Amino acid sequence: MTDQERLELEAAAFRSLLQHLRSRPDVQNIDMMNLTGFCRNCLSKWYKAAADDIGIALTADQAREEIYGMPYSEWKSKYQKEASAEQQAAFTKASDKGPAA
């Protein structure tokens, strides 16, 4: 596999991941964090860091909009629910293991 082919496959897989996440707004970020150690916000931070690394001007808000498919404030008002005590406890326990990348 060439570097270009790998790049194209990785980009396609990332686009599929974003589409999947956008089709599942019922999956809360805290649940993702508790199960996987990352969430949509982590992806937006990684996206911005990648832009920074190669000199592309991108704000944190623009990166979030790329990941969420809409402004973050809109996504929050439409889909984000208050975390339950159990979700918060699981997050605290998972956070004790150390931060996600």
C-alpha atoms as a PDB file:
ATOM      1  CA  MET A   1       0.000   0.000   0.000  1.00  0.00           C
ATOM      2  CA  THR A   2       1.323   3.432  -0.872  1.00  0.00           C
ATOM      3  CA  ASP A   3       1.339   6.367   1.528  1.00  0.00           C
ATOM      4  CA  GLN A   4      -1.318   8.054  -0.626  1.00  0.00           C
ATOM      5  CA  GLU A   5      -3.543   4.975  -0.542  1.00  0.00           C
ATOM      6  CA  ARG A   6      -3.174   4.756   3.238  1.00  0.00           C
ATOM      7  CA  LEU A   7      -4.045   8.444   3.555  1.00  0.00           C
ATOM      8  CA  GLU A   8      -7.138   7.995   1.397  1.00  0.00           C
ATOM      9  CA  LEU A   9      -8.288   4.943   3.368  1.00  0.00           C
ATOM     10  CA  GLU A  10      -7.754   6.688   6.702  1.00  0.00           C
ATOM     11  CA  ALA A  11      -9.666   9.742   5.478  1.00  0.00           C
ATOM     12  CA  ALA A  12     -12.543   7.566   4.257  1.00  0.00           C
ATOM     13  CA  ALA A  13     -12.674   5.689   7.568  1.00  0.00           C
ATOM     14  CA  PHE A  14     -12.686   8.996   9.479  1.00  0.00           C
ATOM     15  CA  ARG A  15     -15.521  10.347   7.336  1.00  0.00           C
ATOM     16  CA  SER A  16     -17.475   7.149   8.031  1.00  0.00           C
ATOM     17  CA  LEU A  17     -16.864   7.548  11.766  1.00  0.00           C
ATOM     18  CA  LEU A  18     -18.135  11.134  11.667  1.00  0.00           C
ATOM     19  CA  GLN A  19     -21.219  10.124   9.703  1.00  0.00           C
ATOM     20  CA  HIS A  20     -21.921   7.340  12.171  1.00  0.00           C
ATOM     21  CA  LEU A  21     -21.582   9.686  15.155  1.00  0.00           C
ATOM     22  CA  ARG A  22     -23.816  12.264  13.479  1.00  0.00           C
ATOM     23  CA  SER A  23     -26.449   9.582  12.883  1.00  0.00           C
ATOM     24  CA  ARG A  24     -26.358   8.632  16.575  1.00  0.00           C
ATOM     25  CA  PRO A  25     -26.927  11.838  18.561  1.00  0.00           C
ATOM     26  CA  ASP A  26     -28.631   9.639  21.165  1.00  0.00           C
ATOM     27  CA  VAL A  27     -25.178   8.410  22.176  1.00  0.00           C
ATOM     28  CA  GLN A  28     -24.053  10.903  24.768  1.00  0.00           C
ATOM     29  CA  ASN A  29     -20.464  12.115  24.986  1.00  0.00           C
ATOM     30  CA  ILE A  30     -20.210  11.045  28.623  1.00  0.00           C
ATOM     31  CA  ASP A  31     -21.155   7.488  27.635  1.00  0.00           C
ATOM     32  CA  MET A  32     -18.493   7.523  24.936  1.00  0.00           C
ATOM     33  CA  MET A  33     -15.937   8.782  27.458  1.00  0.00           C
ATOM     34  CA  ASN A  34     -16.929   6.132  29.987  1.00  0.00           C
ATOM     35  CA  LEU A  35     -16.704   3.308  27.456  1.00  0.00           C
ATOM     36  CA  THR A  36     -13.906   4.388  25.127  1.00  0.00           C
ATOM     37  CA  GLY A  37     -11.958   7.167  26.804  1.00  0.00           C
ATOM     38  CA  PHE A  38     -12.773   9.662  24.042  1.00  0.00           C
ATOM     39  CA  CYS A  39     -15.778  11.537  22.695  1.00  0.00           C
ATOM     40  CA  ARG A  40     -16.788  13.969  19.988  1.00  0.00           C
ATOM     41  CA  ASN A  41     -15.050  16.802  21.837  1.00  0.00           C
ATOM     42  CA  CYS A  42     -11.812  14.807  21.903  1.00  0.00           C
ATOM     43  CA  LEU A  43     -12.114  14.275  18.154  1.00  0.00           C
ATOM     44  CA  SER A  44     -12.580  18.003  17.619  1.00  0.00           C
ATOM     45  CA  LYS A  45      -9.455  18.737  19.691  1.00  0.00           C
ATOM     46  CA  TRP A  46      -7.451  16.173  17.699  1.00  0.00           C
ATOM     47  CA  TYR A  47      -8.802  17.674  14.471  1.00  0.00           C
ATOM     48  CA  LYS A  48      -7.717  21.169  15.525  1.00  0.00           C
ATOM     49  CA  ALA A  49      -4.309  19.906  16.640  1.00  0.00           C
ATOM     50  CA  ALA A  50      -3.825  18.281  13.233  1.00  0.00           C
ATOM     51  CA  ALA A  51      -4.742  21.574  11.541  1.00  0.00           C
ATOM     52  CA  ASP A  52      -2.292  23.418  13.783  1.00  0.00           C
ATOM     53  CA  ASP A  53       0.444  20.895  12.970  1.00  0.00           C
ATOM     54  CA  ILE A  54       0.216  21.608   9.259  1.00  0.00           C
ATOM     55  CA  GLY A  55      -0.479  25.333   9.508  1.00  0.00           C
ATOM     56  CA  ILE A  56      -4.194  25.402   8.667  1.00  0.00           C
ATOM     57  CA  ALA A  57      -6.026  28.213  10.452  1.00  0.00           C
ATOM     58  CA  LEU A  58      -8.932  26.631  12.338  1.00  0.00           C
ATOM     59  CA  THR A  59     -10.623  27.733  15.548  1.00  0.00           C
ATOM     60  CA  ALA A  60     -11.786  25.343  18.228  1.00  0.00           C
ATOM     61  CA  ASP A  61     -15.388  26.238  17.350  1.00  0.00           C
ATOM     62  CA  GLN A  62     -14.789  25.479  13.670  1.00  0.00           C
ATOM     63  CA  ALA A  63     -13.239  22.133  14.574  1.00  0.00           C
ATOM     64  CA  ARG A  64     -16.226  21.237  16.745  1.00  0.00           C
ATOM     65  CA  GLU A  65     -18.607  22.148  13.943  1.00  0.00           C
ATOM     66  CA  GLU A  66     -16.682  19.875  11.573  1.00  0.00           C
ATOM     67  CA  ILE A  67     -17.056  16.973  14.017  1.00  0.00           C
ATOM     68  CA  TYR A  68     -20.638  17.614  15.114  1.00  0.00           C
ATOM     69  CA  GLY A  69     -21.921  18.656  11.680  1.00  0.00           C
ATOM     70  CA  MET A  70     -23.483  21.773  13.212  1.00  0.00           C
ATOM     71  CA  PRO A  71     -22.517  24.449  15.711  1.00  0.00           C
ATOM     72  CA  TYR A  72     -21.736  22.849  19.069  1.00  0.00           C
ATOM     73  CA  SER A  73     -24.280  25.046  20.885  1.00  0.00           C
ATOM     74  CA  GLU A  74     -26.997  23.782  18.529  1.00  0.00           C
ATOM     75  CA  TRP A  75     -25.999  20.141  19.067  1.00  0.00           C
ATOM     76  CA  LYS A  76     -26.003  20.631  22.838  1.00  0.00           C
ATOM     77  CA  SER A  77     -29.454  22.204  22.878  1.00  0.00           C
ATOM     78  CA  LYS A  78     -30.912  19.513  20.595  1.00  0.00           C
ATOM     79  CA  TYR A  79     -29.246  16.367  21.898  1.00  0.00           C
ATOM     80  CA  GLN A  80     -27.224  16.704  25.081  1.00  0.00           C
ATOM     81  CA  LYS A  81     -28.903  15.425  28.207  1.00  0.00           C
ATOM     82  CA  GLU A  82     -27.987  16.013  31.828  1.00  0.00           C
ATOM     83  CA  ALA A  83     -25.574  13.332  32.992  1.00  0.00           C
ATOM     84  CA  SER A  84     -27.012  10.973  35.580  1.00  0.00           C
ATOM     85  CA  ALA A  85     -25.308  10.339  38.905  1.00  0.00           C
ATOM     86  CA  GLU A  86     -24.263   6.919  37.610  1.00  0.00           C
ATOM     87  CA  GLN A  87     -22.735   8.405  34.442  1.00  0.00           C
ATOM     88  CA  GLN A  88     -20.873  11.023  36.476  1.00  0.00           C
ATOM     89  CA  ALA A  89     -19.562   8.384  38.899  1.00  0.00           C
ATOM     90  CA  ALA A  90     -18.380   6.205  36.010  1.00  0.00           C
ATOM     91  CA  PHE A  91     -16.682   9.235  34.448  1.00  0.00           C
ATOM     92  CA  THR A  92     -14.905  10.045  37.690  1.00  0.00           C
ATOM     93  CA  LYS A  93     -13.758   6.451  38.036  1.00  0.00           C
ATOM     94  CA  ALA A  94     -12.551   6.350  34.421  1.00  0.00           C
ATOM     95  CA  SER A  95     -10.831   9.717  34.834  1.00  0.00           C
ATOM     96  CA  ASP A  96      -8.815   8.290  37.709  1.00  0.00           C
ATOM     97  CA  LYS A  97      -7.174   5.974  35.148  1.00  0.00           C
ATOM     98  CA  GLY A  98      -5.728   8.986  33.325  1.00  0.00           C
ATOM     99  CA  PRO A  99      -6.773  11.197  30.428  1.00  0.00           C
ATOM    100  CA  ALA A 100      -7.521  10.063  26.930  1.00  0.00           C
ATOM    101  CA  ALA A 101      -4.882  10.904  24.354  1.00  0.00           C
END
